C-alpha atoms as a PDB file:
ATOM      1  CA  UNK A   1      -0.136   0.004  -0.198  1.00  0.00           C
ATOM      2  CA  UNK A   2       1.354   3.395  -0.793  1.00  0.00           C
ATOM      3  CA  UNK A   3       1.599   6.372   1.830  1.00  0.00           C
ATOM      4  CA  UNK A   4      -0.700   9.075   1.756  1.00  0.00           C
ATOM      5  CA  UNK A   5       1.985  11.530   0.552  1.00  0.00           C
ATOM      6  CA  UNK A   6       2.443   9.249  -2.554  1.00  0.00           C
ATOM      7  CA  UNK A   7      -1.229   8.748  -3.355  1.00  0.00           C
ATOM      8  CA  UNK A   8      -1.475  12.415  -3.438  1.00  0.00           C
ATOM      9  CA  UNK A   9       1.331  12.707  -5.748  1.00  0.00           C
ATOM     10  CA  UNK A  10      -0.089  10.054  -8.173  1.00  0.00           C
ATOM     11  CA  UNK A  11      -3.139  11.592  -8.425  1.00  0.00           C
ATOM     12  CA  UNK A  12      -1.628  15.159  -9.025  1.00  0.00           C
ATOM     13  CA  UNK A  13       0.395  13.406 -11.399  1.00  0.00           C
ATOM     14  CA  UNK A  14      -2.449  12.115 -13.390  1.00  0.00           C
ATOM     15  CA  UNK A  15      -4.312  15.597 -13.543  1.00  0.00           C
ATOM     16  CA  UNK A  16      -1.020  17.287 -14.783  1.00  0.00           C
ATOM     17  CA  UNK A  17      -0.585  14.606 -17.536  1.00  0.00           C
ATOM     18  CA  UNK A  18      -4.074  15.193 -18.833  1.00  0.00           C
ATOM     19  CA  UNK A  19      -4.019  18.794 -18.294  1.00  0.00           C
ATOM     20  CA  UNK A  20      -0.374  20.196 -18.801  1.00  0.00           C
ATOM     21  CA  UNK A  21       0.263  21.942 -22.267  1.00  0.00           C
ATOM     22  CA  UNK A  22       3.854  20.247 -22.303  1.00  0.00           C
ATOM     23  CA  UNK A  23       2.156  16.562 -21.611  1.00  0.00           C
ATOM     24  CA  UNK A  24       3.321  13.915 -24.003  1.00  0.00           C
ATOM     25  CA  UNK A  25      -0.450  12.928 -23.724  1.00  0.00           C
ATOM     26  CA  UNK A  26      -0.735  15.870 -26.445  1.00  0.00           C
ATOM     27  CA  UNK A  27       1.428  13.942 -28.904  1.00  0.00           C
ATOM     28  CA  UNK A  28      -1.298  11.189 -29.226  1.00  0.00           C
ATOM     29  CA  UNK A  29      -4.197  11.375 -31.895  1.00  0.00           C
ATOM     30  CA  UNK A  30      -7.806  11.806 -30.689  1.00  0.00           C
ATOM     31  CA  UNK A  31      -8.447   7.802 -30.766  1.00  0.00           C
ATOM     32  CA  UNK A  32      -5.198   7.064 -28.752  1.00  0.00           C
ATOM     33  CA  UNK A  33      -5.925   9.845 -26.062  1.00  0.00           C
ATOM     34  CA  UNK A  34      -9.489   8.368 -25.713  1.00  0.00           C
ATOM     35  CA  UNK A  35      -7.918   4.992 -25.267  1.00  0.00           C
ATOM     36  CA  UNK A  36      -5.777   6.207 -22.522  1.00  0.00           C
ATOM     37  CA  UNK A  37      -8.695   7.857 -20.592  1.00  0.00           C
ATOM     38  CA  UNK A  38     -10.458   4.591 -20.898  1.00  0.00           C
ATOM     39  CA  UNK A  39      -8.053   2.796 -19.240  1.00  0.00           C
ATOM     40  CA  UNK A  40      -7.602   5.338 -16.537  1.00  0.00           C
ATOM     41  CA  UNK A  41     -11.514   5.100 -15.860  1.00  0.00           C
ATOM     42  CA  UNK A  42     -11.125   1.277 -15.755  1.00  0.00           C
ATOM     43  CA  UNK A  43      -8.130   1.648 -13.139  1.00  0.00           C
ATOM     44  CA  UNK A  44     -10.036   4.079 -10.881  1.00  0.00           C
ATOM     45  CA  UNK A  45     -13.139   1.600 -11.172  1.00  0.00           C
ATOM     46  CA  UNK A  46     -10.989  -1.280  -9.843  1.00  0.00           C
ATOM     47  CA  UNK A  47      -9.687   1.051  -7.009  1.00  0.00           C
ATOM     48  CA  UNK A  48     -13.224   1.894  -5.971  1.00  0.00           C
ATOM     49  CA  UNK A  49     -14.548  -1.564  -6.485  1.00  0.00           C
ATOM     50  CA  UNK A  50     -11.735  -3.237  -4.296  1.00  0.00           C
ATOM     51  CA  UNK A  51     -10.604  -2.803  -0.886  1.00  0.00           C
ATOM     52  CA  UNK A  52      -9.256   0.922  -1.158  1.00  0.00           C
ATOM     53  CA  UNK A  53     -11.902   2.203   1.211  1.00  0.00           C
ATOM     54  CA  UNK A  54      -9.626   4.611   3.438  1.00  0.00           C
ATOM     55  CA  UNK A  55     -10.309   8.232   3.022  1.00  0.00           C
ATOM     56  CA  UNK A  56      -7.074   9.135   1.620  1.00  0.00           C
ATOM     57  CA  UNK A  57      -7.335   6.821  -1.465  1.00  0.00           C
ATOM     58  CA  UNK A  58     -11.119   7.831  -1.860  1.00  0.00           C
ATOM     59  CA  UNK A  59     -10.673  11.431  -2.002  1.00  0.00           C
ATOM     60  CA  UNK A  60      -7.667  11.023  -4.533  1.00  0.00           C
ATOM     61  CA  UNK A  61      -9.978   8.859  -6.731  1.00  0.00           C
ATOM     62  CA  UNK A  62     -12.477  11.445  -6.228  1.00  0.00           C
ATOM     63  CA  UNK A  63     -10.095  14.172  -7.498  1.00  0.00           C
ATOM     64  CA  UNK A  64      -9.057  12.173 -10.490  1.00  0.00           C
ATOM     65  CA  UNK A  65     -12.615  11.227 -11.464  1.00  0.00           C
ATOM     66  CA  UNK A  66     -13.575  14.852 -11.584  1.00  0.00           C
ATOM     67  CA  UNK A  67     -10.995  15.867 -13.575  1.00  0.00           C
ATOM     68  CA  UNK A  68     -11.555  12.963 -16.213  1.00  0.00           C
ATOM     69  CA  UNK A  69     -15.106  13.786 -16.108  1.00  0.00           C
ATOM     70  CA  UNK A  70     -14.750  17.124 -17.334  1.00  0.00           C
ATOM     71  CA  UNK A  71     -12.479  16.306 -20.303  1.00  0.00           C
ATOM     72  CA  UNK A  72     -15.150  13.761 -21.294  1.00  0.00           C
ATOM     73  CA  UNK A  73     -16.048  14.213 -24.957  1.00  0.00           C
ATOM     74  CA  UNK A  74     -19.451  15.763 -25.652  1.00  0.00           C
ATOM     75  CA  UNK A  75     -22.276  12.948 -25.394  1.00  0.00           C
ATOM     76  CA  UNK A  76     -23.357  11.486 -28.682  1.00  0.00           C
ATOM     77  CA  UNK A  77     -25.779   8.896 -29.333  1.00  0.00           C
ATOM     78  CA  UNK A  78     -25.198   7.982 -32.618  1.00  0.00           C
ATOM     79  CA  UNK A  79     -23.826   4.168 -32.536  1.00  0.00           C
ATOM     80  CA  UNK A  80     -23.115   3.952 -36.334  1.00  0.00           C
ATOM     81  CA  UNK A  81     -19.724   2.793 -37.209  1.00  0.00           C
ATOM     82  CA  UNK A  82     -19.485   5.259 -39.711  1.00  0.00           C
ATOM     83  CA  UNK A  83     -20.029   7.994 -37.163  1.00  0.00           C
ATOM     84  CA  UNK A  84     -16.353   7.554 -35.709  1.00  0.00           C
ATOM     85  CA  UNK A  85     -17.592   7.881 -32.389  1.00  0.00           C
ATOM     86  CA  UNK A  86     -16.782   4.076 -30.943  1.00  0.00           C
ATOM     87  CA  UNK A  87     -13.985   5.528 -28.676  1.00  0.00           C
ATOM     88  CA  UNK A  88     -16.335   8.317 -27.247  1.00  0.00           C
ATOM     89  CA  UNK A  89     -19.215   5.991 -26.513  1.00  0.00           C
ATOM     90  CA  UNK A  90     -16.662   3.410 -24.897  1.00  0.00           C
ATOM     91  CA  UNK A  91     -15.198   6.565 -22.524  1.00  0.00           C
ATOM     92  CA  UNK A  92     -18.811   7.254 -21.467  1.00  0.00           C
ATOM     93  CA  UNK A  93     -19.530   3.667 -20.662  1.00  0.00           C
ATOM     94  CA  UNK A  94     -16.425   3.128 -18.544  1.00  0.00           C
ATOM     95  CA  UNK A  95     -16.993   6.583 -16.951  1.00  0.00           C
ATOM     96  CA  UNK A  96     -20.633   5.828 -16.045  1.00  0.00           C
ATOM     97  CA  UNK A  97     -19.493   2.447 -14.520  1.00  0.00           C
ATOM     98  CA  UNK A  98     -16.943   4.147 -12.408  1.00  0.00           C
ATOM     99  CA  UNK A  99     -19.027   6.943 -11.411  1.00  0.00           C
ATOM    100  CA  UNK A 100     -21.726   4.308 -10.173  1.00  0.00           C
ATOM    101  CA  UNK A 101     -19.541   2.967  -7.618  1.00  0.00           C
ATOM    102  CA  UNK A 102     -18.451   6.618  -6.267  1.00  0.00           C
ATOM    103  CA  UNK A 103     -19.855   7.851  -2.768  1.00  0.00           C
ATOM    104  CA  UNK A 104     -23.515   9.176  -3.443  1.00  0.00           C
ATOM    105  CA  UNK A 105     -22.863  12.511  -1.701  1.00  0.00           C
ATOM    106  CA  UNK A 106     -19.637  13.271  -3.636  1.00  0.00           C
ATOM    107  CA  UNK A 107     -21.401  12.123  -7.102  1.00  0.00           C
ATOM    108  CA  UNK A 108     -24.495  14.269  -6.643  1.00  0.00           C
ATOM    109  CA  UNK A 109     -22.282  17.610  -5.750  1.00  0.00           C
ATOM    110  CA  UNK A 110     -20.015  17.027  -8.700  1.00  0.00           C
ATOM    111  CA  UNK A 111     -22.949  16.609 -10.987  1.00  0.00           C
ATOM    112  CA  UNK A 112     -24.786  19.575  -9.758  1.00  0.00           C
ATOM    113  CA  UNK A 113     -26.382  21.334 -12.507  1.00  0.00           C
ATOM    114  CA  UNK A 114     -26.057  25.095 -12.427  1.00  0.00           C
ATOM    115  CA  UNK A 115     -28.736  27.832 -13.055  1.00  0.00           C
ATOM    116  CA  UNK A 116     -29.928  27.591 -16.653  1.00  0.00           C
ATOM    117  CA  UNK A 117     -29.739  31.414 -16.898  1.00  0.00           C
ATOM    118  CA  UNK A 118     -26.063  31.408 -16.595  1.00  0.00           C
ATOM    119  CA  UNK A 119     -25.490  29.353 -19.600  1.00  0.00           C
ATOM    120  CA  UNK A 120     -26.278  30.410 -22.878  1.00  0.00           C
ATOM    121  CA  UNK A 121     -23.118  29.985 -24.782  1.00  0.00           C
ATOM    122  CA  UNK A 122     -22.607  26.764 -26.799  1.00  0.00           C
ATOM    123  CA  UNK A 123     -19.568  25.879 -24.782  1.00  0.00           C
ATOM    124  CA  UNK A 124     -21.475  26.113 -21.735  1.00  0.00           C
ATOM    125  CA  UNK A 125     -24.235  24.242 -22.835  1.00  0.00           C
ATOM    126  CA  UNK A 126     -22.046  21.243 -23.589  1.00  0.00           C
ATOM    127  CA  UNK A 127     -20.991  21.214 -20.000  1.00  0.00           C
ATOM    128  CA  UNK A 128     -24.345  21.126 -18.757  1.00  0.00           C
ATOM    129  CA  UNK A 129     -25.180  18.592 -21.228  1.00  0.00           C
ATOM    130  CA  UNK A 130     -22.727  16.175 -19.967  1.00  0.00           C
ATOM    131  CA  UNK A 131     -23.708  16.852 -16.466  1.00  0.00           C
ATOM    132  CA  UNK A 132     -27.330  15.799 -17.108  1.00  0.00           C
ATOM    133  CA  UNK A 133     -26.159  12.875 -19.455  1.00  0.00           C
ATOM    134  CA  UNK A 134     -24.084  11.707 -16.506  1.00  0.00           C
ATOM    135  CA  UNK A 135     -27.272  11.733 -14.361  1.00  0.00           C
ATOM    136  CA  UNK A 136     -29.586  10.374 -16.914  1.00  0.00           C
ATOM    137  CA  UNK A 137     -27.255   7.288 -17.714  1.00  0.00           C
ATOM    138  CA  UNK A 138     -26.896   6.596 -13.909  1.00  0.00           C
ATOM    139  CA  UNK A 139     -30.781   6.470 -13.598  1.00  0.00           C
ATOM    140  CA  UNK A 140     -30.727   4.122 -16.703  1.00  0.00           C
ATOM    141  CA  UNK A 141     -28.425   1.682 -14.827  1.00  0.00           C
ATOM    142  CA  UNK A 142     -30.231   1.877 -11.391  1.00  0.00           C
ATOM    143  CA  UNK A 143     -27.818   4.056  -9.648  1.00  0.00           C
ATOM    144  CA  UNK A 144     -30.021   7.089  -9.410  1.00  0.00           C
ATOM    145  CA  UNK A 145     -33.717   7.241  -8.888  1.00  0.00           C
ATOM    146  CA  UNK A 146     -35.822   8.582 -11.753  1.00  0.00           C
ATOM    147  CA  UNK A 147     -36.926  11.048  -9.407  1.00  0.00           C
ATOM    148  CA  UNK A 148     -33.342  12.843  -9.811  1.00  0.00           C
ATOM    149  CA  UNK A 149     -34.530  13.621 -13.462  1.00  0.00           C
ATOM    150  CA  UNK A 150     -37.838  14.887 -12.354  1.00  0.00           C
ATOM    151  CA  UNK A 151     -36.049  17.489 -10.478  1.00  0.00           C
ATOM    152  CA  UNK A 152     -34.551  18.701 -14.101  1.00  0.00           C
ATOM    153  CA  UNK A 153     -37.553  18.199 -16.217  1.00  0.00           C
ATOM    154  CA  UNK A 154     -38.162  22.070 -16.629  1.00  0.00           C
ATOM    155  CA  UNK A 155     -34.258  22.584 -17.188  1.00  0.00           C
ATOM    156  CA  UNK A 156     -34.165  19.791 -20.053  1.00  0.00           C
ATOM    157  CA  UNK A 157     -37.215  20.695 -21.805  1.00  0.00           C
ATOM    158  CA  UNK A 158     -36.878  24.457 -21.749  1.00  0.00           C
ATOM    159  CA  UNK A 159     -33.205  24.489 -23.144  1.00  0.00           C
ATOM    160  CA  UNK A 160     -32.143  25.748 -26.557  1.00  0.00           C
ATOM    161  CA  UNK A 161     -32.704  23.027 -28.828  1.00  0.00           C
ATOM    162  CA  UNK A 162     -29.479  22.724 -30.966  1.00  0.00           C
ATOM    163  CA  UNK A 163     -26.530  20.472 -31.448  1.00  0.00           C
ATOM    164  CA  UNK A 164     -25.769  18.399 -28.292  1.00  0.00           C
ATOM    165  CA  UNK A 165     -29.180  18.927 -26.781  1.00  0.00           C
ATOM    166  CA  UNK A 166     -30.850  16.645 -29.043  1.00  0.00           C
ATOM    167  CA  UNK A 167     -28.483  13.822 -27.648  1.00  0.00           C
ATOM    168  CA  UNK A 168     -29.625  14.761 -24.287  1.00  0.00           C
ATOM    169  CA  UNK A 169     -33.300  14.318 -25.264  1.00  0.00           C
ATOM    170  CA  UNK A 170     -32.731  10.939 -26.612  1.00  0.00           C
ATOM    171  CA  UNK A 171     -30.939   9.730 -23.536  1.00  0.00           C
ATOM    172  CA  UNK A 172     -33.759  11.353 -21.216  1.00  0.00           C
ATOM    173  CA  UNK A 173     -36.406   9.323 -23.266  1.00  0.00           C
ATOM    174  CA  UNK A 174     -34.572   6.245 -23.006  1.00  0.00           C
ATOM    175  CA  UNK A 175     -34.625   6.621 -19.287  1.00  0.00           C
ATOM    176  CA  UNK A 176     -38.315   7.911 -19.029  1.00  0.00           C
ATOM    177  CA  UNK A 177     -39.493   5.003 -21.590  1.00  0.00           C
ATOM    178  CA  UNK A 178     -38.565   2.475 -18.839  1.00  0.00           C
ATOM    179  CA  UNK A 179     -40.292   3.985 -16.115  1.00  0.00           C
ATOM    180  CA  UNK A 180     -43.667   3.147 -15.095  1.00  0.00           C
ATOM    181  CA  UNK A 181     -46.696   4.556 -17.283  1.00  0.00           C
ATOM    182  CA  UNK A 182     -47.934   7.108 -14.488  1.00  0.00           C
ATOM    183  CA  UNK A 183     -44.522   8.603 -14.661  1.00  0.00           C
ATOM    184  CA  UNK A 184     -44.271   8.580 -18.600  1.00  0.00           C
ATOM    185  CA  UNK A 185     -47.639  10.137 -18.832  1.00  0.00           C
ATOM    186  CA  UNK A 186     -46.659  12.796 -16.578  1.00  0.00           C
ATOM    187  CA  UNK A 187     -43.635  13.643 -18.425  1.00  0.00           C
ATOM    188  CA  UNK A 188     -45.679  13.903 -21.655  1.00  0.00           C
ATOM    189  CA  UNK A 189     -48.275  16.230 -20.105  1.00  0.00           C
ATOM    190  CA  UNK A 190     -45.486  18.214 -18.440  1.00  0.00           C
ATOM    191  CA  UNK A 191     -43.335  18.740 -21.746  1.00  0.00           C
ATOM    192  CA  UNK A 192     -46.589  19.867 -23.401  1.00  0.00           C
ATOM    193  CA  UNK A 193     -47.443  22.184 -20.737  1.00  0.00           C
ATOM    194  CA  UNK A 194     -43.706  23.643 -20.906  1.00  0.00           C
ATOM    195  CA  UNK A 195     -44.030  24.025 -24.728  1.00  0.00           C
ATOM    196  CA  UNK A 196     -46.784  26.424 -23.984  1.00  0.00           C
ATOM    197  CA  UNK A 197     -44.575  28.884 -22.273  1.00  0.00           C
ATOM    198  CA  UNK A 198     -40.945  28.161 -23.003  1.00  0.00           C
ATOM    199  CA  UNK A 199     -38.558  30.493 -25.036  1.00  0.00           C
ATOM    200  CA  UNK A 200     -37.559  27.371 -27.137  1.00  0.00           C
ATOM    201  CA  UNK A 201     -40.774  25.298 -27.789  1.00  0.00           C
ATOM    202  CA  UNK A 202     -39.367  22.939 -30.293  1.00  0.00           C
ATOM    203  CA  UNK A 203     -37.234  21.215 -27.453  1.00  0.00           C
ATOM    204  CA  UNK A 204     -40.335  20.356 -25.539  1.00  0.00           C
ATOM    205  CA  UNK A 205     -41.983  19.148 -28.895  1.00  0.00           C
ATOM    206  CA  UNK A 206     -39.055  17.132 -29.656  1.00  0.00           C
ATOM    207  CA  UNK A 207     -39.376  15.378 -26.421  1.00  0.00           C
ATOM    208  CA  UNK A 208     -42.993  14.797 -27.088  1.00  0.00           C
ATOM    209  CA  UNK A 209     -42.215  13.257 -30.491  1.00  0.00           C
ATOM    210  CA  UNK A 210     -39.140  11.046 -29.371  1.00  0.00           C
ATOM    211  CA  UNK A 211     -41.460   9.662 -26.276  1.00  0.00           C
ATOM    212  CA  UNK A 212     -44.575   9.245 -28.462  1.00  0.00           C
ATOM    213  CA  UNK A 213     -42.350   7.330 -30.928  1.00  0.00           C
ATOM    214  CA  UNK A 214     -40.647   5.107 -28.350  1.00  0.00           C
ATOM    215  CA  UNK A 215     -43.818   3.968 -26.660  1.00  0.00           C
ATOM    216  CA  UNK A 216     -45.747   3.696 -30.139  1.00  0.00           C
ATOM    217  CA  UNK A 217     -46.144   0.462 -32.548  1.00  0.00           C
ATOM    218  CA  UNK A 218     -44.330   2.296 -34.887  1.00  0.00           C
ATOM    219  CA  UNK A 219     -40.985   2.624 -33.181  1.00  0.00           C
ATOM    220  CA  UNK A 220     -39.106   0.103 -35.223  1.00  0.00           C
ATOM    221  CA  UNK A 221     -39.648   2.025 -38.218  1.00  0.00           C
ATOM    222  CA  UNK A 222     -39.116   5.599 -37.124  1.00  0.00           C
ATOM    223  CA  UNK A 223     -36.066   7.724 -37.906  1.00  0.00           C
ATOM    224  CA  UNK A 224     -34.742   9.525 -35.108  1.00  0.00           C
ATOM    225  CA  UNK A 225     -33.720  13.065 -36.345  1.00  0.00           C
ATOM    226  CA  UNK A 226     -35.440  16.308 -35.371  1.00  0.00           C
ATOM    227  CA  UNK A 227     -37.315  17.108 -38.672  1.00  0.00           C
ATOM    228  CA  UNK A 228     -38.657  13.304 -38.867  1.00  0.00           C
ATOM    229  CA  UNK A 229     -39.740  13.155 -35.127  1.00  0.00           C
ATOM    230  CA  UNK A 230     -41.796  16.481 -35.773  1.00  0.00           C
ATOM    231  CA  UNK A 231     -43.091  15.137 -38.921  1.00  0.00           C
ATOM    232  CA  UNK A 232     -44.263  11.762 -37.444  1.00  0.00           C
ATOM    233  CA  UNK A 233     -45.947  13.482 -34.489  1.00  0.00           C
ATOM    234  CA  UNK A 234     -49.040  13.177 -36.172  1.00  0.00           C
ATOM    235  CA  UNK A 235     -48.926   9.586 -36.278  1.00  0.00           C
ATOM    236  CA  UNK A 236     -47.074   8.795 -33.160  1.00  0.00           C
ATOM    237  CA  UNK A 237     -49.049  10.691 -30.773  1.00  0.00           C
ATOM    238  CA  UNK A 238     -52.486   9.433 -31.533  1.00  0.00           C
ATOM    239  CA  UNK A 239     -51.209   6.013 -31.819  1.00  0.00           C
ATOM    240  CA  UNK A 240     -49.896   6.229 -28.282  1.00  0.00           C
ATOM    241  CA  UNK A 241     -53.150   7.841 -27.015  1.00  0.00           C
ATOM    242  CA  UNK A 242     -55.069   4.677 -28.231  1.00  0.00           C
ATOM    243  CA  UNK A 243     -53.269   2.459 -25.692  1.00  0.00           C
ATOM    244  CA  UNK A 244     -55.461   1.695 -22.949  1.00  0.00           C
ATOM    245  CA  UNK A 245     -52.791   3.033 -20.471  1.00  0.00           C
ATOM    246  CA  UNK A 246     -52.668   6.123 -22.070  1.00  0.00           C
ATOM    247  CA  UNK A 247     -56.246   7.027 -22.943  1.00  0.00           C
ATOM    248  CA  UNK A 248     -57.236   8.458 -19.525  1.00  0.00           C
ATOM    249  CA  UNK A 249     -54.778  11.366 -20.434  1.00  0.00           C
ATOM    250  CA  UNK A 250     -56.017  11.579 -23.961  1.00  0.00           C
ATOM    251  CA  UNK A 251     -58.250  14.675 -23.550  1.00  0.00           C
ATOM    252  CA  UNK A 252     -55.630  16.576 -21.263  1.00  0.00           C
ATOM    253  CA  UNK A 253     -52.827  15.891 -24.146  1.00  0.00           C
ATOM    254  CA  UNK A 254     -55.197  17.276 -26.948  1.00  0.00           C
ATOM    255  CA  UNK A 255     -56.198  20.272 -24.844  1.00  0.00           C
ATOM    256  CA  UNK A 256     -52.420  21.058 -23.834  1.00  0.00           C
ATOM    257  CA  UNK A 257     -51.485  20.593 -27.545  1.00  0.00           C
ATOM    258  CA  UNK A 258     -54.218  22.783 -28.772  1.00  0.00           C
ATOM    259  CA  UNK A 259     -52.788  25.612 -26.319  1.00  0.00           C
ATOM    260  CA  UNK A 260     -49.265  25.179 -27.800  1.00  0.00           C
ATOM    261  CA  UNK A 261     -50.463  25.270 -31.131  1.00  0.00           C
ATOM    262  CA  UNK A 262     -52.385  28.370 -30.636  1.00  0.00           C
ATOM    263  CA  UNK A 263     -49.287  30.303 -29.308  1.00  0.00           C
ATOM    264  CA  UNK A 264     -46.868  28.736 -31.895  1.00  0.00           C
ATOM    265  CA  UNK A 265     -49.245  29.390 -34.955  1.00  0.00           C
ATOM    266  CA  UNK A 266     -50.219  32.995 -33.618  1.00  0.00           C
ATOM    267  CA  UNK A 267     -46.835  33.983 -33.244  1.00  0.00           C
ATOM    268  CA  UNK A 268     -45.805  32.448 -36.740  1.00  0.00           C
ATOM    269  CA  UNK A 269     -48.521  34.606 -38.145  1.00  0.00           C
ATOM    270  CA  UNK A 270     -47.470  37.681 -36.313  1.00  0.00           C
ATOM    271  CA  UNK A 271     -43.783  36.927 -37.227  1.00  0.00           C
ATOM    272  CA  UNK A 272     -44.778  36.666 -40.964  1.00  0.00           C
ATOM    273  CA  UNK A 273     -46.903  39.917 -40.879  1.00  0.00           C
ATOM    274  CA  UNK A 274     -43.983  41.482 -39.141  1.00  0.00           C
ATOM    275  CA  UNK A 275     -41.271  40.380 -41.377  1.00  0.00           C
ATOM    276  CA  UNK A 276     -39.138  38.759 -38.964  1.00  0.00           C
ATOM    277  CA  UNK A 277     -38.590  38.076 -35.375  1.00  0.00           C
ATOM    278  CA  UNK A 278     -41.147  35.871 -33.461  1.00  0.00           C
ATOM    279  CA  UNK A 279     -40.991  37.943 -30.187  1.00  0.00           C
ATOM    280  CA  UNK A 280     -44.413  39.697 -29.303  1.00  0.00           C
ATOM    281  CA  UNK A 281     -44.826  42.331 -26.875  1.00  0.00           C
ATOM    282  CA  UNK A 282     -47.163  41.266 -24.004  1.00  0.00           C
ATOM    283  CA  UNK A 283     -46.959  37.700 -24.775  1.00  0.00           C
ATOM    284  CA  UNK A 284     -44.770  34.876 -23.799  1.00  0.00           C
ATOM    285  CA  UNK A 285     -41.521  35.275 -25.464  1.00  0.00           C
ATOM    286  CA  UNK A 286     -40.382  32.577 -28.277  1.00  0.00           C
ATOM    287  CA  UNK A 287     -36.757  33.073 -28.923  1.00  0.00           C
ATOM    288  CA  UNK A 288     -35.693  34.362 -32.296  1.00  0.00           C
ATOM    289  CA  UNK A 289     -33.329  31.467 -32.412  1.00  0.00           C
ATOM    290  CA  UNK A 290     -36.418  29.629 -33.177  1.00  0.00           C
ATOM    291  CA  UNK A 291     -37.174  31.356 -36.471  1.00  0.00           C
ATOM    292  CA  UNK A 292     -35.050  29.149 -38.693  1.00  0.00           C
ATOM    293  CA  UNK A 293     -37.598  26.088 -38.062  1.00  0.00           C
ATOM    294  CA  UNK A 294     -40.711  27.931 -37.070  1.00  0.00           C
ATOM    295  CA  UNK A 295     -42.737  27.052 -40.290  1.00  0.00           C
ATOM    296  CA  UNK A 296     -41.914  23.545 -39.794  1.00  0.00           C
ATOM    297  CA  UNK A 297     -42.783  23.503 -35.862  1.00  0.00           C
ATOM    298  CA  UNK A 298     -46.224  25.316 -36.548  1.00  0.00           C
ATOM    299  CA  UNK A 299     -47.043  22.834 -39.436  1.00  0.00           C
ATOM    300  CA  UNK A 300     -45.968  19.669 -37.167  1.00  0.00           C
ATOM    301  CA  UNK A 301     -48.111  21.061 -34.115  1.00  0.00           C
ATOM    302  CA  UNK A 302     -50.811  22.094 -36.327  1.00  0.00           C
ATOM    303  CA  UNK A 303     -51.095  18.480 -38.322  1.00  0.00           C
ATOM    304  CA  UNK A 304     -50.741  16.514 -34.678  1.00  0.00           C
ATOM    305  CA  UNK A 305     -53.645  18.956 -33.337  1.00  0.00           C
ATOM    306  CA  UNK A 306     -55.732  17.948 -36.354  1.00  0.00           C
ATOM    307  CA  UNK A 307     -54.957  14.129 -35.646  1.00  0.00           C
ATOM    308  CA  UNK A 308     -56.107  14.424 -32.205  1.00  0.00           C
ATOM    309  CA  UNK A 309     -59.417  16.649 -33.020  1.00  0.00           C
ATOM    310  CA  UNK A 310     -61.883  13.924 -31.817  1.00  0.00           C
ATOM    311  CA  UNK A 311     -60.615  14.592 -28.199  1.00  0.00           C
ATOM    312  CA  UNK A 312     -61.083  18.009 -28.491  1.00  0.00           C
ATOM    313  CA  UNK A 313     -64.548  19.957 -27.741  1.00  0.00           C
ATOM    314  CA  UNK A 314     -66.718  20.944 -30.899  1.00  0.00           C
ATOM    315  CA  UNK A 315     -65.921  24.548 -30.589  1.00  0.00           C
ATOM    316  CA  UNK A 316     -62.299  23.792 -31.024  1.00  0.00           C
ATOM    317  CA  UNK A 317     -62.855  21.408 -33.600  1.00  0.00           C
ATOM    318  CA  UNK A 318     -64.636  23.993 -35.672  1.00  0.00           C
ATOM    319  CA  UNK A 319     -61.758  26.611 -35.047  1.00  0.00           C
ATOM    320  CA  UNK A 320     -59.156  24.060 -36.236  1.00  0.00           C
ATOM    321  CA  UNK A 321     -61.130  23.107 -39.449  1.00  0.00           C
ATOM    322  CA  UNK A 322     -61.188  26.777 -40.250  1.00  0.00           C
ATOM    323  CA  UNK A 323     -57.497  27.526 -39.616  1.00  0.00           C
ATOM    324  CA  UNK A 324     -55.187  28.378 -42.358  1.00  0.00           C
ATOM    325  CA  UNK A 325     -52.856  25.592 -43.002  1.00  0.00           C
ATOM    326  CA  UNK A 326     -49.138  26.234 -42.595  1.00  0.00           C
END
């Protein structure tokens, strides 16, 4: 066994190896660096899984895990060989295995998600995505309860829908899909409610589409890309609500979708009339970053609403029939 000073020196050397601008680590290509990090994760896992339970060992293993975690690559759910992400996926797999053995109090402190209002830039969003992805994957392997995700629900479904956040949503849907049906129904209803007030309603709608698809009979045939998920919503959502376990919330789903549609379509119409932005004074703000995909979002939500018209009261069915198509 090493002395406490030797253990501290080893952990400091590891951190320096991965962070120093003159480290030999930087001479390796990306795949080789990933392989090195995987090896270190495996070693740390063995330490946590063995007899090294003295506080000096654990505290230094925690120090190493924290550093390795924050140099993890941005999470990606694309498992195709041509995507060239096998190393990244293996690295995440080993990281989650290792973190699952970490002391709970330390783990939750390290994975604490900061205030969403502080994170607008892409680099910061990537870091938050890693924190949430780690929590989600720990839920998926049973290390954390799904209630840990419920605490972040508004955060996850309100964030700007770009880049890495799509992968976060895929991970979250995978975790939620494995939960009992009452929890899945609540996530669906909450996502629709968030889409009625969020700056970025497309994020919540993506989630609704992904969850509907994952729980519907069409799941094996679906393509999980943002545009397809929105287009398929008119098929996947009604298919889901036909199931006996989901039918109790069908009218609530249709009502919330109607509210979201009115908001999105009204602002789309106003945006077109104003010749640009989608921010209306006196109304819930929809970010101008949504403008690029606003027409497709409005069309998808309107078509989904039409597919659920039988769950709506007659006066809303009539308004829907007279509404201009996007």
